[in-house]
Every structure is written in C-alpha cells, then in structure tokens.
Amino acid sequence: MATARPFDIRVESDRSDGAAVVHVAGDIDLATSDRLREVLLPLVGRGTVVVDAAQITFCDSAGLRVILLANHEARDRHTVFRLVAPSEPLTRVLELAGALPLVDVFPDAGSALQG
C-alpha cells in the first residue's frame, strides 16, 4: 500500500507583476484541502494566481473541489487562475470529473504568467 506524501504549500507573492505563484506538493485530500482553500481563495481575490501542480501526488474529490472553487472565484472576480504542469494524478482526476476543459493549464510558470 502506498504511503501518503506530506502536503506542502509555498507561495511566491512578492513578484513585481503582482501575481502569486503557489507551489503545491504531496497529497490533496480531505485532510489537506482546507489548508489549500485557505491559501488559494484570498490570493484569487487579489489577482493572478498560478498553481505549480507538478508535485501533487494524489488528489481526491475534496482537492478537486478546492481547485474548481478557486477557478470559479477567479472568473467571478475577473482575476486569473491557472494550473502549471499538473501531475498525472491531478490530470486524471480533472479528466474523470470532466473538469479539465474548465481550467487553464500551462506547461510552465513562465507561459502561465504571460498567458
């Protein structure tokens, strides 16, 4: 049985363009999704948020809900929410939920910030 990977979130928000780059790693599940929400939603209200999702090792429906909520909030507030290089586990959950077309996905942070 696979062991859960520790959840880690790091925010780069001191950028000259005002964007926030959020690096997320580990498992996003019921135990960690509230922390992700607490970080993402206030940032989305301020402007561009780019989530580096390459190191996400697992995502359940609670994690998917937070990502879609942040995406929805960004659209409502006329701000920007983008995923960068989503990992295979995250991509799979987005595909299974039919949500992949709803989220802007970029191969790297540079292109997501210029986007």
PDB file of N, CA and C in Angstrom:
ATOM      1  N   MET A   1       0.830  -1.182   0.000  1.00  0.00           N
ATOM      2  CA  MET A   1       0.000   0.000   0.000  1.00  0.00           C
ATOM      3  C   MET A   1       0.876   1.248   0.000  1.00  0.00           C
ATOM      4  N   ALA A   2       0.531   2.225  -0.836  1.00  0.00           N
ATOM      5  CA  ALA A   2       1.316   3.453  -0.936  1.00  0.00           C
ATOM      6  C   ALA A   2       1.117   4.323   0.304  1.00  0.00           C
ATOM      7  N   THR A   3       2.183   4.991   0.692  1.00  0.00           N
ATOM      8  CA  THR A   3       2.092   5.893   1.829  1.00  0.00           C
ATOM      9  C   THR A   3       1.771   7.304   1.352  1.00  0.00           C
ATOM     10  N   ALA A   4       0.982   8.000   2.140  1.00  0.00           N
ATOM     11  CA  ALA A   4       0.628   9.381   1.795  1.00  0.00           C
ATOM     12  C   ALA A   4       1.883  10.249   1.811  1.00  0.00           C
ATOM     13  N   ARG A   5       1.959  11.129   0.842  1.00  0.00           N
ATOM     14  CA  ARG A   5       3.077  12.069   0.781  1.00  0.00           C
ATOM     15  C   ARG A   5       2.704  13.306   1.587  1.00  0.00           C
ATOM     16  N   PRO A   6       3.645  13.872   2.326  1.00  0.00           N
ATOM     17  CA  PRO A   6       3.339  15.064   3.117  1.00  0.00           C
ATOM     18  C   PRO A   6       2.898  16.215   2.213  1.00  0.00           C
ATOM     19  N   PHE A   7       1.894  16.928   2.675  1.00  0.00           N
ATOM     20  CA  PHE A   7       1.376  18.070   1.941  1.00  0.00           C
ATOM     21  C   PHE A   7       2.248  19.284   2.243  1.00  0.00           C
ATOM     22  N   ASP A   8       2.568  20.037   1.197  1.00  0.00           N
ATOM     23  CA  ASP A   8       3.365  21.243   1.365  1.00  0.00           C
ATOM     24  C   ASP A   8       2.840  22.301   0.404  1.00  0.00           C
ATOM     25  N   ILE A   9       2.773  23.526   0.872  1.00  0.00           N
ATOM     26  CA  ILE A   9       2.333  24.632   0.023  1.00  0.00           C
ATOM     27  C   ILE A   9       3.242  25.824   0.298  1.00  0.00           C
ATOM     28  N   ARG A  10       3.728  26.426  -0.776  1.00  0.00           N
ATOM     29  CA  ARG A  10       4.632  27.575  -0.670  1.00  0.00           C
ATOM     30  C   ARG A  10       4.156  28.628  -1.651  1.00  0.00           C
ATOM     31  N   VAL A  11       4.088  29.872  -1.206  1.00  0.00           N
ATOM     32  CA  VAL A  11       3.578  30.958  -2.030  1.00  0.00           C
ATOM     33  C   VAL A  11       4.677  31.962  -2.319  1.00  0.00           C
ATOM     34  N   GLU A  12       4.853  32.284  -3.588  1.00  0.00           N
ATOM     35  CA  GLU A  12       5.721  33.390  -4.016  1.00  0.00           C
ATOM     36  C   GLU A  12       4.789  34.533  -4.384  1.00  0.00           C
ATOM     37  N   SER A  13       4.701  35.547  -3.539  1.00  0.00           N
ATOM     38  CA  SER A  13       3.778  36.635  -3.838  1.00  0.00           C
ATOM     39  C   SER A  13       4.453  37.995  -3.885  1.00  0.00           C
ATOM     40  N   ASP A  14       5.748  38.015  -3.782  1.00  0.00           N
ATOM     41  CA  ASP A  14       6.465  39.287  -3.808  1.00  0.00           C
ATOM     42  C   ASP A  14       6.980  39.609  -5.210  1.00  0.00           C
ATOM     43  N   ARG A  15       6.258  39.171  -6.193  1.00  0.00           N
ATOM     44  CA  ARG A  15       6.643  39.365  -7.582  1.00  0.00           C
ATOM     45  C   ARG A  15       6.315  40.787  -8.020  1.00  0.00           C
ATOM     46  N   SER A  16       7.111  41.318  -8.922  1.00  0.00           N
ATOM     47  CA  SER A  16       6.892  42.685  -9.404  1.00  0.00           C
ATOM     48  C   SER A  16       5.606  42.820 -10.214  1.00  0.00           C
ATOM     49  N   ASP A  17       5.124  41.718 -10.807  1.00  0.00           N
ATOM     50  CA  ASP A  17       3.894  41.781 -11.600  1.00  0.00           C
ATOM     51  C   ASP A  17       2.638  41.589 -10.749  1.00  0.00           C
ATOM     52  N   GLY A  18       2.809  41.388  -9.441  1.00  0.00           N
ATOM     53  CA  GLY A  18       1.665  41.235  -8.553  1.00  0.00           C
ATOM     54  C   GLY A  18       1.057  39.843  -8.524  1.00  0.00           C
ATOM     55  N   ALA A  19       1.523  38.954  -9.376  1.00  0.00           N
ATOM     56  CA  ALA A  19       0.995  37.595  -9.421  1.00  0.00           C
ATOM     57  C   ALA A  19       1.507  36.780  -8.234  1.00  0.00           C
ATOM     58  N   ALA A  20       0.748  35.767  -7.885  1.00  0.00           N
ATOM     59  CA  ALA A  20       1.165  34.824  -6.858  1.00  0.00           C
ATOM     60  C   ALA A  20       1.394  33.477  -7.527  1.00  0.00           C
ATOM     61  N   VAL A  21       2.565  32.897  -7.297  1.00  0.00           N
ATOM     62  CA  VAL A  21       2.852  31.551  -7.771  1.00  0.00           C
ATOM     63  C   VAL A  21       2.810  30.648  -6.543  1.00  0.00           C
ATOM     64  N   VAL A  22       1.925  29.655  -6.611  1.00  0.00           N
ATOM     65  CA  VAL A  22       1.710  28.760  -5.482  1.00  0.00           C
ATOM     66  C   VAL A  22       2.249  27.383  -5.856  1.00  0.00           C
ATOM     67  N   HIS A  23       3.214  26.907  -5.085  1.00  0.00           N
ATOM     68  CA  HIS A  23       3.804  25.583  -5.313  1.00  0.00           C
ATOM     69  C   HIS A  23       3.133  24.609  -4.346  1.00  0.00           C
ATOM     70  N   VAL A  24       2.491  23.597  -4.916  1.00  0.00           N
ATOM     71  CA  VAL A  24       1.779  22.608  -4.104  1.00  0.00           C
ATOM     72  C   VAL A  24       2.428  21.250  -4.324  1.00  0.00           C
ATOM     73  N   ALA A  25       2.678  20.538  -3.236  1.00  0.00           N
ATOM     74  CA  ALA A  25       3.281  19.209  -3.329  1.00  0.00           C
ATOM     75  C   ALA A  25       2.584  18.259  -2.371  1.00  0.00           C
ATOM     76  N   GLY A  26       2.612  16.989  -2.715  1.00  0.00           N
ATOM     77  CA  GLY A  26       2.049  15.966  -1.849  1.00  0.00           C
ATOM     78  C   GLY A  26       0.605  15.655  -2.178  1.00  0.00           C
ATOM     79  N   ASP A  27      -0.090  15.106  -1.184  1.00  0.00           N
ATOM     80  CA  ASP A  27      -1.462  14.659  -1.354  1.00  0.00           C
ATOM     81  C   ASP A  27      -2.451  15.761  -0.999  1.00  0.00           C
ATOM     82  N   ILE A  28      -3.405  15.981  -1.892  1.00  0.00           N
ATOM     83  CA  ILE A  28      -4.512  16.892  -1.596  1.00  0.00           C
ATOM     84  C   ILE A  28      -5.738  16.019  -1.374  1.00  0.00           C
ATOM     85  N   ASP A  29      -6.169  15.995  -0.129  1.00  0.00           N
ATOM     86  CA  ASP A  29      -7.303  15.150   0.233  1.00  0.00           C
ATOM     87  C   ASP A  29      -8.121  15.849   1.309  1.00  0.00           C
ATOM     88  N   LEU A  30      -9.019  15.126   1.923  1.00  0.00           N
ATOM     89  CA  LEU A  30      -9.890  15.703   2.942  1.00  0.00           C
ATOM     90  C   LEU A  30      -9.082  16.350   4.071  1.00  0.00           C
ATOM     91  N   ALA A  31      -7.950  15.767   4.399  1.00  0.00           N
ATOM     92  CA  ALA A  31      -7.133  16.283   5.499  1.00  0.00           C
ATOM     93  C   ALA A  31      -6.377  17.559   5.139  1.00  0.00           C
ATOM     94  N   THR A  32      -6.124  17.793   3.863  1.00  0.00           N
ATOM     95  CA  THR A  32      -5.296  18.937   3.461  1.00  0.00           C
ATOM     96  C   THR A  32      -6.028  19.970   2.612  1.00  0.00           C
ATOM     97  N   SER A  33      -7.207  19.647   2.144  1.00  0.00           N
ATOM     98  CA  SER A  33      -7.904  20.545   1.214  1.00  0.00           C
ATOM     99  C   SER A  33      -8.297  21.874   1.858  1.00  0.00           C
ATOM    100  N   ASP A  34      -8.609  21.878   3.154  1.00  0.00           N
ATOM    101  CA  ASP A  34      -8.943  23.140   3.814  1.00  0.00           C
ATOM    102  C   ASP A  34      -7.754  24.096   3.803  1.00  0.00           C
ATOM    103  N   ARG A  35      -6.576  23.575   4.029  1.00  0.00           N
ATOM    104  CA  ARG A  35      -5.365  24.421   4.009  1.00  0.00           C
ATOM    105  C   ARG A  35      -5.159  25.002   2.617  1.00  0.00           C
ATOM    106  N   LEU A  36      -5.356  24.199   1.596  1.00  0.00           N
ATOM    107  CA  LEU A  36      -5.222  24.687   0.222  1.00  0.00           C
ATOM    108  C   LEU A  36      -6.241  25.795  -0.043  1.00  0.00           C
ATOM    109  N   ARG A  37      -7.471  25.590   0.380  1.00  0.00           N
ATOM    110  CA  ARG A  37      -8.521  26.596   0.206  1.00  0.00           C
ATOM    111  C   ARG A  37      -8.162  27.891   0.928  1.00  0.00           C
ATOM    112  N   GLU A  38      -7.662  27.779   2.164  1.00  0.00           N
ATOM    113  CA  GLU A  38      -7.289  28.947   2.955  1.00  0.00           C
ATOM    114  C   GLU A  38      -6.198  29.775   2.281  1.00  0.00           C
ATOM    115  N   VAL A  39      -5.354  29.134   1.533  1.00  0.00           N
ATOM    116  CA  VAL A  39      -4.282  29.843   0.832  1.00  0.00           C
ATOM    117  C   VAL A  39      -4.774  30.398  -0.507  1.00  0.00           C
ATOM    118  N   LEU A  40      -5.457  29.573  -1.290  1.00  0.00           N
ATOM    119  CA  LEU A  40      -5.823  29.974  -2.651  1.00  0.00           C
ATOM    120  C   LEU A  40      -6.886  31.061  -2.731  1.00  0.00           C
ATOM    121  N   LEU A  41      -7.959  30.936  -1.977  1.00  0.00           N
ATOM    122  CA  LEU A  41      -9.086  31.853  -2.160  1.00  0.00           C
ATOM    123  C   LEU A  41      -8.740  33.317  -1.889  1.00  0.00           C
ATOM    124  N   PRO A  42      -8.016  33.652  -0.829  1.00  0.00           N
ATOM    125  CA  PRO A  42      -7.639  35.057  -0.659  1.00  0.00           C
ATOM    126  C   PRO A  42      -6.736  35.568  -1.788  1.00  0.00           C
ATOM    127  N   LEU A  43      -5.860  34.719  -2.281  1.00  0.00           N
ATOM    128  CA  LEU A  43      -4.969  35.124  -3.373  1.00  0.00           C
ATOM    129  C   LEU A  43      -5.752  35.388  -4.648  1.00  0.00           C
ATOM    130  N   VAL A  44      -6.721  34.529  -4.939  1.00  0.00           N
ATOM    131  CA  VAL A  44      -7.551  34.679  -6.127  1.00  0.00           C
ATOM    132  C   VAL A  44      -8.296  36.015  -6.099  1.00  0.00           C
ATOM    133  N   GLY A  45      -8.686  36.445  -4.917  1.00  0.00           N
ATOM    134  CA  GLY A  45      -9.381  37.716  -4.788  1.00  0.00           C
ATOM    135  C   GLY A  45      -8.511  38.915  -5.118  1.00  0.00           C
ATOM    136  N   ARG A  46      -7.188  38.743  -5.056  1.00  0.00           N
ATOM    137  CA  ARG A  46      -6.266  39.857  -5.289  1.00  0.00           C
ATOM    138  C   ARG A  46      -5.767  39.961  -6.718  1.00  0.00           C
ATOM    139  N   GLY A  47      -5.773  38.852  -7.462  1.00  0.00           N
ATOM    140  CA  GLY A  47      -5.243  38.925  -8.827  1.00  0.00           C
ATOM    141  C   GLY A  47      -4.828  37.574  -9.362  1.00  0.00           C
ATOM    142  N   THR A  48      -3.817  37.587 -10.196  1.00  0.00           N
ATOM    143  CA  THR A  48      -3.356  36.384 -10.886  1.00  0.00           C
ATOM    144  C   THR A  48      -2.771  35.363  -9.916  1.00  0.00           C
ATOM    145  N   VAL A  49      -3.252  34.119 -10.027  1.00  0.00           N
ATOM    146  CA  VAL A  49      -2.735  33.007  -9.233  1.00  0.00           C
ATOM    147  C   VAL A  49      -2.351  31.884 -10.186  1.00  0.00           C
ATOM    148  N   VAL A  50      -1.105  31.478 -10.088  1.00  0.00           N
ATOM    149  CA  VAL A  50      -0.587  30.377 -10.882  1.00  0.00           C
ATOM    150  C   VAL A  50      -0.194  29.270  -9.914  1.00  0.00           C
ATOM    151  N   VAL A  51      -0.781  28.094 -10.094  1.00  0.00           N
ATOM    152  CA  VAL A  51      -0.508  26.965  -9.200  1.00  0.00           C
ATOM    153  C   VAL A  51       0.401  25.969  -9.906  1.00  0.00           C
ATOM    154  N   ASP A  52       1.610  25.819  -9.374  1.00  0.00           N
ATOM    155  CA  ASP A  52       2.537  24.802  -9.865  1.00  0.00           C
ATOM    156  C   ASP A  52       2.079  23.476  -9.274  1.00  0.00           C
ATOM    157  N   ALA A  53       1.483  22.637 -10.116  1.00  0.00           N
ATOM    158  CA  ALA A  53       0.854  21.401  -9.661  1.00  0.00           C
ATOM    159  C   ALA A  53       1.647  20.148 -10.038  1.00  0.00           C
ATOM    160  N   ALA A  54       2.894  20.319 -10.408  1.00  0.00           N
ATOM    161  CA  ALA A  54       3.707  19.195 -10.874  1.00  0.00           C
ATOM    162  C   ALA A  54       4.016  18.181  -9.779  1.00  0.00           C
ATOM    163  N   GLN A  55       4.034  18.617  -8.529  1.00  0.00           N
ATOM    164  CA  GLN A  55       4.427  17.728  -7.431  1.00  0.00           C
ATOM    165  C   GLN A  55       3.239  17.187  -6.618  1.00  0.00           C
ATOM    166  N   ILE A  56       2.032  17.351  -7.153  1.00  0.00           N
ATOM    167  CA  ILE A  56       0.854  16.797  -6.470  1.00  0.00           C
ATOM    168  C   ILE A  56       0.830  15.293  -6.731  1.00  0.00           C
ATOM    169  N   THR A  57       0.865  14.515  -5.653  1.00  0.00           N
ATOM    170  CA  THR A  57       0.967  13.063  -5.788  1.00  0.00           C
ATOM    171  C   THR A  57      -0.379  12.349  -5.718  1.00  0.00           C
ATOM    172  N   PHE A  58      -1.395  13.059  -5.234  1.00  0.00           N
ATOM    173  CA  PHE A  58      -2.729  12.471  -5.109  1.00  0.00           C
ATOM    174  C   PHE A  58      -3.721  13.613  -4.974  1.00  0.00           C
ATOM    175  N   CYS A  59      -4.913  13.438  -5.540  1.00  0.00           N
ATOM    176  CA  CYS A  59      -5.969  14.428  -5.389  1.00  0.00           C
ATOM    177  C   CYS A  59      -7.304  13.706  -5.364  1.00  0.00           C
ATOM    178  N   ASP A  60      -8.050  13.891  -4.281  1.00  0.00           N
ATOM    179  CA  ASP A  60      -9.381  13.292  -4.205  1.00  0.00           C
ATOM    180  C   ASP A  60     -10.433  14.351  -4.508  1.00  0.00           C
ATOM    181  N   SER A  61     -11.686  14.028  -4.289  1.00  0.00           N
ATOM    182  CA  SER A  61     -12.762  14.955  -4.628  1.00  0.00           C
ATOM    183  C   SER A  61     -12.706  16.243  -3.802  1.00  0.00           C
ATOM    184  N   ALA A  62     -12.209  16.172  -2.579  1.00  0.00           N
ATOM    185  CA  ALA A  62     -12.083  17.378  -1.753  1.00  0.00           C
ATOM    186  C   ALA A  62     -11.058  18.334  -2.365  1.00  0.00           C
ATOM    187  N   GLY A  63      -9.960  17.795  -2.848  1.00  0.00           N
ATOM    188  CA  GLY A  63      -8.950  18.619  -3.513  1.00  0.00           C
ATOM    189  C   GLY A  63      -9.457  19.177  -4.821  1.00  0.00           C
ATOM    190  N   LEU A  64     -10.153  18.355  -5.580  1.00  0.00           N
ATOM    191  CA  LEU A  64     -10.737  18.801  -6.843  1.00  0.00           C
ATOM    192  C   LEU A  64     -11.711  19.946  -6.594  1.00  0.00           C
ATOM    193  N   ARG A  65     -12.509  19.828  -5.557  1.00  0.00           N
ATOM    194  CA  ARG A  65     -13.472  20.878  -5.224  1.00  0.00           C
ATOM    195  C   ARG A  65     -12.768  22.217  -4.974  1.00  0.00           C
ATOM    196  N   VAL A  66     -11.665  22.198  -4.250  1.00  0.00           N
ATOM    197  CA  VAL A  66     -10.932  23.437  -3.956  1.00  0.00           C
ATOM    198  C   VAL A  66     -10.375  24.051  -5.235  1.00  0.00           C
ATOM    199  N   ILE A  67      -9.806  23.238  -6.099  1.00  0.00           N
ATOM    200  CA  ILE A  67      -9.258  23.750  -7.362  1.00  0.00           C
ATOM    201  C   ILE A  67     -10.364  24.367  -8.215  1.00  0.00           C
ATOM    202  N   LEU A  68     -11.484  23.687  -8.304  1.00  0.00           N
ATOM    203  CA  LEU A  68     -12.593  24.222  -9.103  1.00  0.00           C
ATOM    204  C   LEU A  68     -13.217  25.451  -8.448  1.00  0.00           C
ATOM    205  N   LEU A  69     -13.253  25.491  -7.139  1.00  0.00           N
ATOM    206  CA  LEU A  69     -13.758  26.662  -6.429  1.00  0.00           C
ATOM    207  C   LEU A  69     -12.858  27.872  -6.683  1.00  0.00           C
ATOM    208  N   ALA A  70     -11.555  27.681  -6.609  1.00  0.00           N
ATOM    209  CA  ALA A  70     -10.611  28.779  -6.886  1.00  0.00           C
ATOM    210  C   ALA A  70     -10.764  29.260  -8.315  1.00  0.00           C
ATOM    211  N   ASN A  71     -10.919  28.333  -9.241  1.00  0.00           N
ATOM    212  CA  ASN A  71     -11.113  28.682 -10.645  1.00  0.00           C
ATOM    213  C   ASN A  71     -12.401  29.491 -10.826  1.00  0.00           C
ATOM    214  N   HIS A  72     -13.473  29.042 -10.179  1.00  0.00           N
ATOM    215  CA  HIS A  72     -14.765  29.726 -10.262  1.00  0.00           C
ATOM    216  C   HIS A  72     -14.690  31.126  -9.640  1.00  0.00           C
ATOM    217  N   GLU A  73     -14.060  31.229  -8.487  1.00  0.00           N
ATOM    218  CA  GLU A  73     -13.899  32.524  -7.819  1.00  0.00           C
ATOM    219  C   GLU A  73     -13.110  33.499  -8.698  1.00  0.00           C
ATOM    220  N   ALA A  74     -12.072  33.001  -9.340  1.00  0.00           N
ATOM    221  CA  ALA A  74     -11.272  33.863 -10.225  1.00  0.00           C
ATOM    222  C   ALA A  74     -12.131  34.400 -11.360  1.00  0.00           C
ATOM    223  N   ARG A  75     -12.929  33.561 -11.940  1.00  0.00           N
ATOM    224  CA  ARG A  75     -13.809  34.018 -13.032  1.00  0.00           C
ATOM    225  C   ARG A  75     -14.822  35.043 -12.521  1.00  0.00           C
ATOM    226  N   ASP A  76     -15.398  34.784 -11.346  1.00  0.00           N
ATOM    227  CA  ASP A  76     -16.373  35.714 -10.771  1.00  0.00           C
ATOM    228  C   ASP A  76     -15.754  37.075 -10.456  1.00  0.00           C
ATOM    229  N   ARG A  77     -14.497  37.057 -10.038  1.00  0.00           N
ATOM    230  CA  ARG A  77     -13.813  38.289  -9.641  1.00  0.00           C
ATOM    231  C   ARG A  77     -13.010  38.925 -10.779  1.00  0.00           C
ATOM    232  N   HIS A  78     -13.082  38.302 -11.946  1.00  0.00           N
ATOM    233  CA  HIS A  78     -12.339  38.780 -13.125  1.00  0.00           C
ATOM    234  C   HIS A  78     -10.833  38.809 -12.867  1.00  0.00           C
ATOM    235  N   THR A  79     -10.373  37.786 -12.147  1.00  0.00           N
ATOM    236  CA  THR A  79      -8.939  37.598 -11.941  1.00  0.00           C
ATOM    237  C   THR A  79      -8.528  36.348 -12.716  1.00  0.00           C
ATOM    238  N   VAL A  80      -7.321  35.900 -12.522  1.00  0.00           N
ATOM    239  CA  VAL A  80      -6.776  34.797 -13.304  1.00  0.00           C
ATOM    240  C   VAL A  80      -6.361  33.654 -12.380  1.00  0.00           C
ATOM    241  N   PHE A  81      -6.745  32.438 -12.764  1.00  0.00           N
ATOM    242  CA  PHE A  81      -6.329  31.225 -12.057  1.00  0.00           C
ATOM    243  C   PHE A  81      -5.831  30.239 -13.101  1.00  0.00           C
ATOM    244  N   ARG A  82      -4.587  29.779 -12.948  1.00  0.00           N
ATOM    245  CA  ARG A  82      -4.003  28.855 -13.925  1.00  0.00           C
ATOM    246  C   ARG A  82      -3.248  27.736 -13.212  1.00  0.00           C
ATOM    247  N   LEU A  83      -3.308  26.551 -13.808  1.00  0.00           N
ATOM    248  CA  LEU A  83      -2.525  25.412 -13.333  1.00  0.00           C
ATOM    249  C   LEU A  83      -1.311  25.242 -14.227  1.00  0.00           C
ATOM    250  N   VAL A  84      -0.190  24.930 -13.605  1.00  0.00           N
ATOM    251  CA  VAL A  84       1.054  24.689 -14.337  1.00  0.00           C
ATOM    252  C   VAL A  84       1.450  23.233 -14.183  1.00  0.00           C
ATOM    253  N   ALA A  85       1.676  22.584 -15.303  1.00  0.00           N
ATOM    254  CA  ALA A  85       2.199  21.214 -15.345  1.00  0.00           C
ATOM    255  C   ALA A  85       1.529  20.288 -14.338  1.00  0.00           C
ATOM    256  N   PRO A  86       0.195  20.173 -14.387  1.00  0.00           N
ATOM    257  CA  PRO A  86      -0.452  19.290 -13.416  1.00  0.00           C
ATOM    258  C   PRO A  86       0.081  17.863 -13.522  1.00  0.00           C
ATOM    259  N   SER A  87       0.312  17.274 -12.372  1.00  0.00           N
ATOM    260  CA  SER A  87       0.816  15.902 -12.319  1.00  0.00           C
ATOM    261  C   SER A  87      -0.200  14.943 -12.918  1.00  0.00           C
ATOM    262  N   GLU A  88       0.244  13.742 -13.189  1.00  0.00           N
ATOM    263  CA  GLU A  88      -0.648  12.717 -13.734  1.00  0.00           C
ATOM    264  C   GLU A  88      -1.834  12.435 -12.809  1.00  0.00           C
ATOM    265  N   PRO A  89      -1.617  12.293 -11.483  1.00  0.00           N
ATOM    266  CA  PRO A  89      -2.775  12.051 -10.610  1.00  0.00           C
ATOM    267  C   PRO A  89      -3.803  13.191 -10.660  1.00  0.00           C
ATOM    268  N   LEU A  90      -3.342  14.420 -10.700  1.00  0.00           N
ATOM    269  CA  LEU A  90      -4.278  15.545 -10.762  1.00  0.00           C
ATOM    270  C   LEU A  90      -4.959  15.611 -12.122  1.00  0.00           C
ATOM    271  N   THR A  91      -4.204  15.420 -13.178  1.00  0.00           N
ATOM    272  CA  THR A  91      -4.782  15.431 -14.519  1.00  0.00           C
ATOM    273  C   THR A  91      -5.860  14.360 -14.643  1.00  0.00           C
ATOM    274  N   ARG A  92      -5.590  13.197 -14.100  1.00  0.00           N
ATOM    275  CA  ARG A  92      -6.544  12.090 -14.166  1.00  0.00           C
ATOM    276  C   ARG A  92      -7.855  12.440 -13.463  1.00  0.00           C
ATOM    277  N   VAL A  93      -7.771  13.041 -12.274  1.00  0.00           N
ATOM    278  CA  VAL A  93      -8.977  13.429 -11.534  1.00  0.00           C
ATOM    279  C   VAL A  93      -9.752  14.491 -12.308  1.00  0.00           C
ATOM    280  N   LEU A  94      -9.043  15.465 -12.866  1.00  0.00           N
ATOM    281  CA  LEU A  94      -9.705  16.505 -13.666  1.00  0.00           C
ATOM    282  C   LEU A  94     -10.396  15.899 -14.882  1.00  0.00           C
ATOM    283  N   GLU A  95      -9.726  14.952 -15.530  1.00  0.00           N
ATOM    284  CA  GLU A  95     -10.328  14.291 -16.697  1.00  0.00           C
ATOM    285  C   GLU A  95     -11.561  13.483 -16.315  1.00  0.00           C
ATOM    286  N   LEU A  96     -11.459  12.690 -15.257  1.00  0.00           N
ATOM    287  CA  LEU A  96     -12.578  11.846 -14.830  1.00  0.00           C
ATOM    288  C   LEU A  96     -13.801  12.674 -14.441  1.00  0.00           C
ATOM    289  N   ALA A  97     -13.546  13.847 -13.887  1.00  0.00           N
ATOM    290  CA  ALA A  97     -14.646  14.720 -13.484  1.00  0.00           C
ATOM    291  C   ALA A  97     -15.177  15.557 -14.646  1.00  0.00           C
ATOM    292  N   GLY A  98     -14.511  15.473 -15.788  1.00  0.00           N
ATOM    293  CA  GLY A  98     -14.904  16.297 -16.926  1.00  0.00           C
ATOM    294  C   GLY A  98     -14.554  17.760 -16.733  1.00  0.00           C
ATOM    295  N   ALA A  99     -13.627  18.038 -15.829  1.00  0.00           N
ATOM    296  CA  ALA A  99     -13.300  19.413 -15.465  1.00  0.00           C
ATOM    297  C   ALA A  99     -12.051  19.964 -16.149  1.00  0.00           C
ATOM    298  N   LEU A 100     -11.301  19.123 -16.831  1.00  0.00           N
ATOM    299  CA  LEU A 100     -10.060  19.599 -17.449  1.00  0.00           C
ATOM    300  C   LEU A 100     -10.287  20.769 -18.406  1.00  0.00           C
ATOM    301  N   PRO A 101     -11.343  20.756 -19.218  1.00  0.00           N
ATOM    302  CA  PRO A 101     -11.555  21.898 -20.115  1.00  0.00           C
ATOM    303  C   PRO A 101     -11.932  23.198 -19.393  1.00  0.00           C
ATOM    304  N   LEU A 102     -12.302  23.110 -18.125  1.00  0.00           N
ATOM    305  CA  LEU A 102     -12.731  24.296 -17.379  1.00  0.00           C
ATOM    306  C   LEU A 102     -11.571  25.106 -16.812  1.00  0.00           C
ATOM    307  N   VAL A 103     -10.404  24.474 -16.706  1.00  0.00           N
ATOM    308  CA  VAL A 103      -9.255  25.107 -16.055  1.00  0.00           C
ATOM    309  C   VAL A 103      -8.188  25.419 -17.099  1.00  0.00           C
ATOM    310  N   ASP A 104      -7.597  26.604 -16.983  1.00  0.00           N
ATOM    311  CA  ASP A 104      -6.495  26.970 -17.877  1.00  0.00           C
ATOM    312  C   ASP A 104      -5.232  26.254 -17.419  1.00  0.00           C
ATOM    313  N   VAL A 105      -4.646  25.456 -18.307  1.00  0.00           N
ATOM    314  CA  VAL A 105      -3.459  24.666 -17.984  1.00  0.00           C
ATOM    315  C   VAL A 105      -2.312  25.111 -18.878  1.00  0.00           C
ATOM    316  N   PHE A 106      -1.141  25.304 -18.281  1.00  0.00           N
ATOM    317  CA  PHE A 106       0.052  25.731 -18.999  1.00  0.00           C
ATOM    318  C   PHE A 106       1.203  24.788 -18.686  1.00  0.00           C
ATOM    319  N   PRO A 107       2.157  24.668 -19.608  1.00  0.00           N
ATOM    320  CA  PRO A 107       3.266  23.741 -19.386  1.00  0.00           C
ATOM    321  C   PRO A 107       4.292  24.224 -18.361  1.00  0.00           C
ATOM    322  N   ASP A 108       4.398  25.546 -18.179  1.00  0.00           N
ATOM    323  CA  ASP A 108       5.376  26.074 -17.244  1.00  0.00           C
ATOM    324  C   ASP A 108       4.899  27.426 -16.697  1.00  0.00           C
ATOM    325  N   ALA A 109       5.518  27.852 -15.609  1.00  0.00           N
ATOM    326  CA  ALA A 109       5.094  29.090 -14.950  1.00  0.00           C
ATOM    327  C   ALA A 109       5.295  30.313 -15.834  1.00  0.00           C
ATOM    328  N   GLY A 110       6.375  30.340 -16.588  1.00  0.00           N
ATOM    329  CA  GLY A 110       6.629  31.482 -17.465  1.00  0.00           C
ATOM    330  C   GLY A 110       5.491  31.723 -18.442  1.00  0.00           C
ATOM    331  N   SER A 111       5.059  30.678 -19.117  1.00  0.00           N
ATOM    332  CA  SER A 111       3.970  30.841 -20.074  1.00  0.00           C
ATOM    333  C   SER A 111       2.640  31.133 -19.368  1.00  0.00           C
ATOM    334  N   ALA A 112       2.441  30.586 -18.181  1.00  0.00           N
ATOM    335  CA  ALA A 112       1.209  30.860 -17.439  1.00  0.00           C
ATOM    336  C   ALA A 112       1.158  32.309 -16.993  1.00  0.00           C
ATOM    337  N   LEU A 113       2.287  32.875 -16.630  1.00  0.00           N
ATOM    338  CA  LEU A 113       2.322  34.266 -16.197  1.00  0.00           C
ATOM    339  C   LEU A 113       2.169  35.235 -17.352  1.00  0.00           C
ATOM    340  N   GLN A 114       2.587  34.822 -18.545  1.00  0.00           N
ATOM    341  CA  GLN A 114       2.442  35.687 -19.709  1.00  0.00           C
ATOM    342  C   GLN A 114       1.084  35.513 -20.360  1.00  0.00           C
ATOM    343  N   GLY A 115       0.528  34.318 -20.239  1.00  0.00           N
ATOM    344  CA  GLY A 115      -0.658  33.811 -20.774  1.00  0.00           C
ATOM    345  C   GLY A 115      -1.707  34.499 -21.414  1.00  0.00           C
TER     346      GLY A 115
END
